[in-house]
Protein backbone atom coordinates (compact mmCIF):
# COMPACT_ATOMS: atom_id res chain seq x y z
CA UNK A 1 128.86 -62.00 -118.24
CA UNK A 2 126.96 -59.26 -120.03
CA UNK A 3 123.51 -58.46 -118.75
CA UNK A 4 121.82 -59.51 -121.99
CA UNK A 5 123.15 -63.07 -121.77
CA UNK A 6 119.69 -64.65 -121.90
CA UNK A 7 118.67 -62.50 -124.86
CA UNK A 8 121.78 -63.68 -126.65
CA UNK A 9 121.04 -67.27 -125.65
CA UNK A 10 117.59 -67.04 -127.26
CA UNK A 11 119.17 -65.67 -130.42
CA UNK A 12 121.54 -68.62 -130.46
CA UNK A 13 118.68 -71.06 -129.93
CA UNK A 14 116.86 -69.54 -132.86
CA UNK A 15 119.99 -69.86 -134.97
CA UNK A 16 120.27 -73.56 -134.09
CA UNK A 17 116.61 -74.16 -134.85
CA UNK A 18 117.13 -72.71 -138.29
CA UNK A 19 119.98 -75.09 -139.03
CA UNK A 20 117.96 -78.29 -138.85
CA UNK A 21 114.59 -79.45 -137.54
CA UNK A 22 114.89 -81.47 -134.33
CA UNK A 23 114.00 -85.16 -134.67
CA UNK A 24 112.02 -87.12 -132.09
CA UNK A 25 113.54 -87.56 -128.64
CA UNK A 26 115.08 -90.91 -127.73
CA UNK A 27 115.10 -92.47 -124.26
CA UNK A 28 118.80 -92.73 -123.44
CA UNK A 29 119.20 -91.86 -119.75
CA UNK A 30 121.41 -92.40 -116.71
CA UNK A 31 120.53 -93.66 -113.23
CA UNK A 32 121.30 -91.03 -110.57
CA UNK A 33 120.74 -93.26 -107.53
CA UNK A 34 123.97 -95.23 -107.87
CA UNK A 35 122.04 -98.48 -107.54
CA UNK A 36 123.29 -99.72 -110.91
CA UNK A 37 126.43 -99.22 -112.97
CA UNK A 38 125.02 -96.35 -114.99
CA UNK A 39 128.10 -94.54 -116.27
CA UNK A 40 127.30 -93.74 -119.89
CA UNK A 41 130.16 -93.70 -122.34
CA UNK A 42 130.10 -90.32 -124.10
CA UNK A 43 132.35 -89.07 -126.90
CA UNK A 44 133.23 -85.37 -126.72
CA UNK A 45 135.36 -84.50 -129.79
CA UNK A 46 136.69 -80.96 -130.34
CA UNK A 47 134.10 -78.47 -131.53
CA UNK A 48 135.02 -77.40 -135.07
CA UNK A 49 135.19 -73.74 -136.01
CA UNK A 50 133.29 -72.41 -138.97
CA UNK A 51 136.42 -70.47 -139.86
CA UNK A 52 139.83 -70.01 -138.26
CA UNK A 53 139.97 -66.56 -136.63
CA UNK A 54 141.69 -65.12 -133.55
CA UNK A 55 139.91 -63.93 -130.40
CA UNK A 56 141.24 -62.60 -127.06
CA UNK A 57 140.66 -66.12 -125.66
CA UNK A 58 142.58 -67.86 -128.46
CA UNK A 59 141.81 -68.97 -131.97
CA UNK A 60 138.37 -70.29 -132.78
CA UNK A 61 139.88 -73.76 -133.20
CA UNK A 62 141.58 -73.52 -129.79
CA UNK A 63 138.29 -72.43 -128.24
CA UNK A 64 136.53 -75.44 -129.74
CA UNK A 65 139.02 -77.77 -128.10
CA UNK A 66 138.97 -75.97 -124.75
CA UNK A 67 135.16 -75.96 -124.65
CA UNK A 68 135.11 -79.70 -125.32
CA UNK A 69 137.64 -80.23 -122.52
CA UNK A 70 135.45 -78.39 -120.01
CA UNK A 71 132.33 -80.27 -121.12
CA UNK A 72 134.09 -83.62 -120.69
CA UNK A 73 135.53 -82.57 -117.31
CA UNK A 74 132.14 -81.43 -116.01
CA UNK A 75 130.44 -84.65 -117.06
CA UNK A 76 133.19 -86.79 -115.55
CA UNK A 77 133.12 -84.81 -112.32
CA UNK A 78 129.43 -85.56 -111.85
CA UNK A 79 130.32 -89.24 -111.44
CA UNK A 80 127.46 -90.31 -113.70
CA UNK A 81 129.24 -90.39 -117.04
CA UNK A 82 132.34 -91.84 -118.65
CA UNK A 83 133.33 -89.19 -121.21
CA UNK A 84 136.23 -89.48 -123.64
CA UNK A 85 137.88 -86.60 -125.41
CA UNK A 86 138.60 -84.34 -126.90
CA UNK A 87 142.17 -85.69 -127.13
CA UNK A 88 142.46 -88.92 -129.02
CA UNK A 89 139.13 -88.60 -130.82
CA UNK A 90 138.76 -88.04 -134.56
CA UNK A 91 138.14 -84.52 -135.81
CA UNK A 92 134.63 -83.49 -136.75
CA UNK A 93 134.08 -81.52 -139.93
CA UNK A 94 131.75 -78.53 -139.61
CA UNK A 95 128.97 -80.11 -141.75
CA UNK A 96 129.04 -83.22 -139.49
CA UNK A 97 127.86 -81.25 -136.46
CA UNK A 98 124.19 -81.55 -137.48
CA UNK A 99 124.68 -84.76 -139.48
CA UNK A 100 126.86 -87.08 -137.38
CA UNK A 101 128.94 -89.85 -138.91
CA UNK A 102 127.55 -92.38 -136.44
CA UNK A 103 129.75 -95.19 -137.70
CA UNK A 104 132.77 -93.43 -136.19
CA UNK A 105 131.26 -93.50 -132.71
CA UNK A 106 130.07 -97.11 -132.32
CA UNK A 107 132.11 -97.57 -129.12
CA UNK A 108 130.01 -94.91 -127.34
CA UNK A 109 126.41 -94.63 -126.22
CA UNK A 110 126.18 -90.87 -126.62
CA UNK A 111 127.92 -88.24 -128.72
CA UNK A 112 128.42 -84.55 -128.00
CA UNK A 113 129.11 -82.35 -131.01
CA UNK A 114 129.02 -78.62 -131.54
CA UNK A 115 130.63 -75.68 -133.25
CA UNK A 116 132.27 -72.32 -132.64
CA UNK A 117 131.37 -69.37 -134.85
CA UNK A 118 132.88 -65.87 -134.61
CA UNK A 119 134.17 -63.06 -136.77
CA UNK A 120 137.22 -62.68 -134.53
CA UNK A 121 138.65 -60.00 -132.27
CA UNK A 122 136.33 -58.78 -129.53
CA UNK A 123 133.25 -59.97 -131.42
CA UNK A 124 130.90 -62.39 -129.65
CA UNK A 125 131.25 -66.10 -130.22
CA UNK A 126 128.35 -68.44 -130.91
CA UNK A 127 128.69 -71.92 -129.44
CA UNK A 128 126.38 -74.68 -130.65
CA UNK A 129 125.94 -77.84 -128.60
CA UNK A 130 124.23 -81.09 -129.69
CA UNK A 131 123.69 -84.40 -127.91
CA UNK A 132 123.05 -87.56 -129.91
CA UNK A 133 122.03 -91.14 -129.08
CA UNK A 134 124.55 -93.18 -131.09
CA UNK A 135 122.64 -96.48 -131.12
CA UNK A 136 119.34 -94.94 -132.22
CA UNK A 137 121.03 -92.29 -134.39
CA UNK A 138 118.82 -89.59 -132.94
CA UNK A 139 119.34 -86.10 -131.60
CA UNK A 140 118.45 -85.76 -127.92
CA UNK A 141 118.92 -82.06 -127.32
CA UNK A 142 120.52 -78.93 -128.70
CA UNK A 143 121.45 -75.59 -127.20
CA UNK A 144 123.15 -72.43 -128.41
CA UNK A 145 124.96 -69.66 -126.55
CA UNK A 146 126.23 -66.26 -127.65
CA UNK A 147 128.92 -64.97 -125.29
CA UNK A 148 131.93 -62.70 -125.30
CA UNK A 149 135.23 -64.57 -125.87
CA UNK A 150 136.23 -64.19 -122.21
CA UNK A 151 133.05 -66.03 -121.16
CA UNK A 152 133.68 -69.13 -123.24
CA UNK A 153 133.79 -71.31 -120.10
CA UNK A 154 130.19 -70.36 -119.32
CA UNK A 155 129.10 -71.65 -122.71
CA UNK A 156 130.94 -74.91 -121.96
CA UNK A 157 129.30 -75.24 -118.54
CA UNK A 158 125.89 -74.46 -120.03
CA UNK A 159 126.39 -77.18 -122.64
CA UNK A 160 127.39 -79.68 -119.94
CA UNK A 161 124.34 -78.62 -117.92
CA UNK A 162 122.05 -79.30 -120.89
CA UNK A 163 123.57 -82.77 -121.36
CA UNK A 164 123.39 -83.57 -117.65
CA UNK A 165 119.75 -82.45 -117.44
CA UNK A 166 118.69 -84.40 -120.52
CA UNK A 167 120.37 -87.66 -119.52
CA UNK A 168 119.74 -87.59 -115.76
CA UNK A 169 116.36 -85.87 -115.56
CA UNK A 170 117.87 -83.64 -112.85
CA UNK A 171 118.25 -79.88 -112.76
CA UNK A 172 121.72 -78.60 -113.78
CA UNK A 173 124.47 -77.20 -111.56
CA UNK A 174 127.74 -76.74 -113.50
CA UNK A 175 127.22 -73.06 -114.41
CA UNK A 176 127.54 -71.83 -110.84
CA UNK A 177 130.22 -70.46 -108.54
CA UNK A 178 131.70 -71.21 -105.14
CA UNK A 179 132.66 -68.74 -102.44
CA UNK A 180 135.15 -70.07 -99.91
CA UNK A 181 137.91 -69.10 -97.51
CA UNK A 182 141.44 -69.31 -98.95
CA UNK A 183 143.95 -70.11 -96.21
CA UNK A 184 147.71 -69.59 -96.12
CA UNK A 185 150.45 -69.44 -93.50
CA UNK A 186 151.25 -71.68 -90.50
CA UNK A 187 148.48 -73.84 -89.12
CA UNK A 188 148.22 -71.88 -85.88
CA UNK A 189 148.22 -68.45 -87.53
CA UNK A 190 146.40 -68.68 -90.84
CA UNK A 191 145.66 -65.79 -93.16
CA UNK A 192 142.08 -66.25 -94.31
CA UNK A 193 140.80 -64.46 -97.42
CA UNK A 194 137.42 -64.51 -99.09
CA UNK A 195 137.63 -65.93 -102.62
CA UNK A 196 135.28 -67.02 -105.40
CA UNK A 197 135.69 -69.47 -108.27
CA UNK A 198 133.69 -71.47 -110.78
CA UNK A 199 132.16 -74.70 -109.49
CA UNK A 200 135.08 -76.64 -111.02
CA UNK A 201 137.77 -74.40 -109.46
CA UNK A 202 138.48 -72.26 -112.55
CA UNK A 203 138.37 -68.44 -112.78
CA UNK A 204 139.65 -68.06 -109.25
CA UNK A 205 139.58 -64.57 -107.68
CA UNK A 206 140.45 -63.23 -104.21
CA UNK A 207 137.90 -60.79 -102.77
CA UNK A 208 139.65 -59.67 -99.57
CA UNK A 209 143.36 -58.99 -99.03
CA UNK A 210 143.88 -60.90 -95.79
CA UNK A 211 144.45 -57.86 -93.52
CA UNK A 212 141.31 -58.87 -91.62
CA UNK A 213 140.09 -62.39 -90.96
CA UNK A 214 137.27 -63.48 -93.31
CA UNK A 215 134.93 -66.33 -92.39
CA UNK A 216 131.72 -68.15 -93.37
CA UNK A 217 130.71 -66.66 -96.76
CA UNK A 218 127.30 -67.29 -98.29
CA UNK A 219 125.80 -66.21 -101.63
CA UNK A 220 122.58 -64.23 -101.71
CA UNK A 221 119.61 -65.94 -103.41
CA UNK A 222 119.85 -63.57 -106.39
CA UNK A 223 123.57 -64.28 -106.70
CA UNK A 224 124.44 -60.56 -106.61
CA UNK A 225 126.06 -60.51 -103.16
CA UNK A 226 128.04 -62.49 -100.61
CA UNK A 227 127.55 -62.12 -96.86
CA UNK A 228 130.51 -62.92 -94.63
CA UNK A 229 132.08 -62.22 -91.23
CA UNK A 230 135.19 -60.05 -90.83
CA UNK A 231 137.35 -59.98 -87.69
CA UNK A 232 139.73 -57.04 -87.23
CA UNK A 233 141.10 -56.76 -83.71
CA UNK A 234 138.25 -56.88 -81.21
CA UNK A 235 135.62 -55.75 -83.71
CA UNK A 236 133.49 -58.30 -85.51
CA UNK A 237 131.54 -57.18 -88.57
CA UNK A 238 129.07 -58.77 -90.95
CA UNK A 239 129.50 -57.40 -94.46
CA UNK A 240 127.59 -57.82 -97.70
CA UNK A 241 129.93 -57.77 -100.69
CA UNK A 242 128.39 -56.70 -104.01
CA UNK A 243 129.86 -58.94 -106.71
CA UNK A 244 129.09 -56.57 -109.57
CA UNK A 245 130.45 -53.33 -108.10
CA UNK A 246 133.07 -54.70 -105.74
CA UNK A 247 131.63 -52.54 -102.95
CA UNK A 248 130.72 -53.84 -99.53
CA UNK A 249 128.11 -52.72 -97.00
CA UNK A 250 128.25 -53.11 -93.24
CA UNK A 251 125.22 -54.94 -91.82
CA UNK A 252 126.15 -55.05 -88.13
CA UNK A 253 129.21 -54.98 -85.88
CA UNK A 254 129.97 -55.92 -82.30
CA UNK A 255 132.70 -56.75 -79.80
CA UNK A 256 130.94 -60.08 -79.23
CA UNK A 257 131.93 -63.23 -81.13
CA UNK A 258 129.73 -63.32 -84.24
CA UNK A 259 129.61 -66.00 -86.91
CA UNK A 260 127.68 -68.07 -89.48
CA UNK A 261 125.55 -65.47 -91.33
CA UNK A 262 122.90 -67.02 -93.58
CA UNK A 263 120.41 -65.50 -96.03
CA UNK A 264 116.67 -65.99 -96.00
CA UNK A 265 115.29 -67.33 -99.31
CA UNK A 266 113.87 -63.91 -100.22
CA UNK A 267 117.20 -62.16 -99.52
CA UNK A 268 115.66 -59.71 -97.05
CA UNK A 269 116.90 -61.22 -93.80
CA UNK A 270 120.20 -62.53 -92.48
CA UNK A 271 120.55 -65.03 -89.65
CA UNK A 272 123.70 -65.10 -87.56
CA UNK A 273 124.98 -66.40 -84.24
CA UNK A 274 126.39 -64.17 -81.49
CA UNK A 275 127.84 -64.88 -78.05
CA UNK A 276 126.62 -62.48 -75.36
CA UNK A 277 127.42 -62.85 -71.65
CA UNK A 278 128.47 -66.47 -72.06
CA UNK A 279 125.44 -67.56 -74.06
CA UNK A 280 125.42 -68.03 -77.83
CA UNK A 281 122.13 -67.52 -79.63
CA UNK A 282 120.75 -67.13 -83.13
CA UNK A 283 119.64 -63.69 -84.26
CA UNK A 284 118.03 -62.28 -87.36
CA UNK A 285 118.60 -58.85 -88.87
CA UNK A 286 117.44 -57.04 -91.97
CA UNK A 287 119.90 -57.28 -94.86
CA UNK A 288 119.92 -53.47 -94.86
CA UNK A 289 120.98 -53.37 -91.19
CA UNK A 290 119.15 -52.34 -88.05
CA UNK A 291 118.61 -53.92 -84.64
CA UNK A 292 119.11 -57.70 -84.39
CA UNK A 293 116.19 -59.81 -83.13
CA UNK A 294 117.05 -62.74 -80.86
CA UNK A 295 115.41 -66.04 -81.87
CA UNK A 296 116.83 -68.54 -79.33
CA UNK A 297 117.12 -68.13 -75.56
CA UNK A 298 118.06 -71.54 -74.17
CA UNK A 299 121.23 -71.74 -72.04
CA UNK A 300 124.15 -73.06 -74.07
CA UNK A 301 125.37 -72.62 -77.61
CA UNK A 302 122.92 -72.26 -80.50
CA UNK A 303 124.76 -72.00 -83.80
CA UNK A 304 124.04 -71.89 -87.48
CA UNK A 305 120.66 -71.34 -88.91
CA UNK A 306 119.67 -72.41 -92.39
CA UNK A 307 116.24 -71.60 -93.78
CA UNK A 308 113.99 -74.13 -95.43
CA UNK A 309 113.48 -73.29 -99.13
CA UNK A 310 110.07 -71.74 -98.43
CA UNK A 311 111.46 -69.64 -95.59
CA UNK A 312 109.01 -70.97 -93.01
CA UNK A 313 111.49 -72.92 -90.85
CA UNK A 314 115.10 -72.76 -89.67
CA UNK A 315 117.41 -75.68 -88.93
CA UNK A 316 120.24 -75.09 -86.43
CA UNK A 317 122.57 -76.83 -84.02
CA UNK A 318 122.44 -76.56 -80.23
CA UNK A 319 124.12 -78.19 -77.23
CA UNK A 320 121.18 -77.44 -74.90
CA UNK A 321 120.73 -81.20 -74.35
CA UNK A 322 124.37 -81.67 -73.32
CA UNK A 323 125.91 -82.27 -76.77
CA UNK A 324 125.64 -80.84 -80.27
CA UNK A 325 122.35 -81.85 -81.88
CA UNK A 326 120.15 -80.60 -84.71
CA UNK A 327 116.96 -78.66 -84.05
CA UNK A 328 114.25 -77.07 -86.18
CA UNK A 329 112.21 -73.98 -85.33
CA UNK A 330 109.74 -71.74 -87.08
CA UNK A 331 111.18 -68.65 -88.76
CA UNK A 332 110.02 -66.48 -85.84
CA UNK A 333 111.85 -68.68 -83.30
CA UNK A 334 108.79 -70.57 -82.05
CA UNK A 335 108.28 -74.33 -81.82
CA UNK A 336 111.91 -75.34 -81.28
CA UNK A 337 112.31 -79.12 -81.44
CA UNK A 338 115.16 -81.61 -81.72
CA UNK A 339 115.27 -83.87 -84.79
CA UNK A 340 118.62 -85.72 -84.41
CA UNK A 341 118.62 -88.81 -82.19
CA UNK A 342 121.48 -90.99 -83.41
CA UNK A 343 124.85 -91.61 -81.78
CA UNK A 344 127.56 -88.96 -81.73
CA UNK A 345 127.19 -85.23 -82.25
CA UNK A 346 125.69 -83.18 -85.08
CA UNK A 347 126.83 -79.81 -86.43
CA UNK A 348 126.61 -77.31 -89.34
CA UNK A 349 123.18 -78.30 -90.72
CA UNK A 350 122.11 -76.90 -94.08
CA UNK A 351 118.72 -77.39 -95.72
CA UNK A 352 118.66 -78.73 -99.27
CA UNK A 353 117.32 -76.36 -101.95
CA UNK A 354 114.80 -79.11 -102.71
CA UNK A 355 113.61 -79.13 -99.12
CA UNK A 356 113.80 -82.93 -98.87
CA UNK A 357 117.07 -83.32 -96.95
CA UNK A 358 119.28 -81.62 -94.39
CA UNK A 359 123.05 -82.03 -94.74
CA UNK A 360 125.27 -81.83 -91.66
CA UNK A 361 128.62 -82.73 -90.11
CA UNK A 362 128.49 -85.95 -88.09
CA UNK A 363 131.02 -85.99 -85.23
CA UNK A 364 131.57 -89.55 -84.11
CA UNK A 365 135.29 -90.14 -83.81
CA UNK A 366 136.11 -88.60 -87.18
CA UNK A 367 134.09 -85.84 -88.89
CA UNK A 368 131.88 -87.00 -91.74
CA UNK A 369 129.36 -85.45 -94.13
CA UNK A 370 125.87 -86.89 -93.76
CA UNK A 371 122.23 -86.22 -94.63
CA UNK A 372 118.85 -86.86 -93.04
CA UNK A 373 115.25 -85.91 -93.74
CA UNK A 374 113.76 -82.84 -92.00
CA UNK A 375 112.05 -85.23 -89.58
CA UNK A 376 115.41 -86.71 -88.57
CA UNK A 377 114.84 -90.00 -90.39
CA UNK A 378 116.96 -91.95 -92.89
CA UNK A 379 120.35 -90.68 -91.71
CA UNK A 380 123.11 -91.57 -94.21
CA UNK A 381 126.87 -91.02 -94.01
CA UNK A 382 128.33 -89.88 -97.35
CA UNK A 383 132.06 -89.43 -96.67
CA UNK A 384 134.75 -91.18 -94.66
CA UNK A 385 137.56 -88.65 -94.29
CA UNK A 386 139.47 -87.83 -91.12
CA UNK A 387 137.84 -84.42 -90.80
CA UNK A 388 135.10 -83.55 -93.31
CA UNK A 389 132.85 -80.63 -92.38
CA UNK A 390 130.65 -77.70 -93.40
CA UNK A 391 128.52 -79.14 -96.25
CA UNK A 392 127.00 -76.81 -98.84
CA UNK A 393 124.44 -77.82 -101.47
CA UNK A 394 124.64 -77.57 -105.23
CA UNK A 395 121.78 -75.59 -106.82
CA UNK A 396 120.00 -78.81 -107.80
CA UNK A 397 120.28 -80.50 -104.39
CA UNK A 398 122.13 -83.52 -105.81
CA UNK A 399 125.73 -82.72 -104.85
CA UNK A 400 127.49 -81.39 -101.76
CA UNK A 401 130.77 -79.56 -101.36
CA UNK A 402 132.62 -79.49 -98.05
CA UNK A 403 136.15 -79.06 -96.77
CA UNK A 404 138.46 -81.85 -95.74
CA UNK A 405 141.35 -81.34 -93.31
CA UNK A 406 144.28 -83.75 -93.24
CA UNK A 407 145.89 -84.69 -89.91
CA UNK A 408 149.30 -83.70 -88.64
CA UNK A 409 151.23 -80.51 -88.09
CA UNK A 410 151.47 -79.84 -91.79
CA UNK A 411 147.91 -80.87 -92.57
CA UNK A 412 145.82 -78.50 -94.65
CA UNK A 413 142.23 -78.09 -95.76
CA UNK A 414 140.88 -78.58 -99.28
CA UNK A 415 137.49 -78.24 -100.92
CA UNK A 416 135.89 -81.56 -101.87
CA UNK A 417 132.67 -82.68 -103.51
CA UNK A 418 130.42 -85.73 -103.13
CA UNK A 419 127.03 -86.64 -104.55
CA UNK A 420 124.12 -88.18 -102.67
CA UNK A 421 125.23 -91.72 -103.51
CA UNK A 422 128.39 -91.17 -101.44
CA UNK A 423 130.33 -92.86 -104.24
CA UNK A 424 131.27 -90.00 -106.56
CA UNK A 425 133.82 -87.92 -104.69
CA UNK A 426 136.50 -85.53 -105.97
CA UNK A 427 138.69 -82.63 -104.86
CA UNK A 428 138.08 -79.14 -106.27
CA UNK A 429 141.45 -77.51 -107.12
CA UNK A 430 142.29 -74.25 -105.32
CA UNK A 431 145.58 -72.31 -105.38
CA UNK A 432 145.77 -72.31 -101.57
CA UNK A 433 144.24 -74.35 -98.79
CA UNK A 434 140.46 -73.89 -98.74
CA UNK A 435 137.72 -74.10 -96.14
CA UNK A 436 134.02 -73.33 -95.65
CA UNK A 437 132.81 -73.49 -99.26
CA UNK A 438 129.45 -71.92 -100.12
CA UNK A 439 127.78 -73.02 -103.35
CA UNK A 440 125.87 -70.28 -105.12
CA UNK A 441 122.76 -70.65 -107.30
CA UNK A 442 122.93 -71.09 -111.05
CA UNK A 443 124.36 -67.99 -112.66
CA UNK A 444 121.73 -65.64 -114.07
């Protein structure tokens, strides 16, 4: 995405505003708690092109259909909506975009319409996106995006984000990316490569070549970098990979087992766990390198480390009480206290970007994804797989991704997603087996 994306977006918004004055907002909305059957029926017909021209991503008409497909897929994947289209829906003439023929859409509660405008070739495309309340015959929201042809999917995700935000009252999350570990080879000798993809599994790209073992990636708060662990022989290294340049920087290395690096909210500090002389503790180090500072000292295994959104506290797992449990401490390592008190064991805690919940892996027979408050209250199990682990939060704190391993000699791992209701669950497609997903913030 070009650096002036937001400038282009404002130009597109101004263009849309000039087309027609926005009418009053209606009150169509969706329930995000799952307490009622709230799946809104939404029509998403193909976006018409102002004129038929060719681009590197296909003709303008093809782009209009593909953008509608991504919008419908995003909305369906959220579990809150029941979208139809673009296949099987009537075509929309260009003048209808801002003046819907509501009589055609009586079977739906909401209607998504838009347009694609471009002069062809490498020229930018303008994508308009409108949401209408069919019953009240009112416009609910509009957005416009100016992108290069290769970035058409971002315009689609942005449109779906605008619809999701308007109807749910929640912050968006579709226009984001996932870092994860792509796995191949026999179960006992896997090749593990760092990879990134869009939140829906599209635009997949391998970052490392598999010559060294890559583990536990995490996006930086500004989305510019990924921190991860690399094992090559007896040397263990923590690297920061710069997404824009493709260069990577060594943060620290050791012969000791090192794992689970995590960023501080301001991007200046990295937490990680390291085993020294039979004891595993949590350390912090400057993102530019230097000498690690030890934060935990209790005998046993202290693992993880996820900052609260304000950076004042850290949640982690420890077996100091005899089994894996969840603890919280201040960012300087002081005031360490246990918050989990239910049955079974607790692992891989991660603080929600909202600060209201902590997600974790519950080990009680099978592995399950669960959440609790930062005080350890209101524990809820969200999944029921055989081995579900390593939750990571969406940017809006409403959805979790994790990886699910199937049993047996030939069992593999795949990236899955579930929302806080525990009802809306789906697999994210990856070309290879996938583990340890890390959800990045909304793209800048």
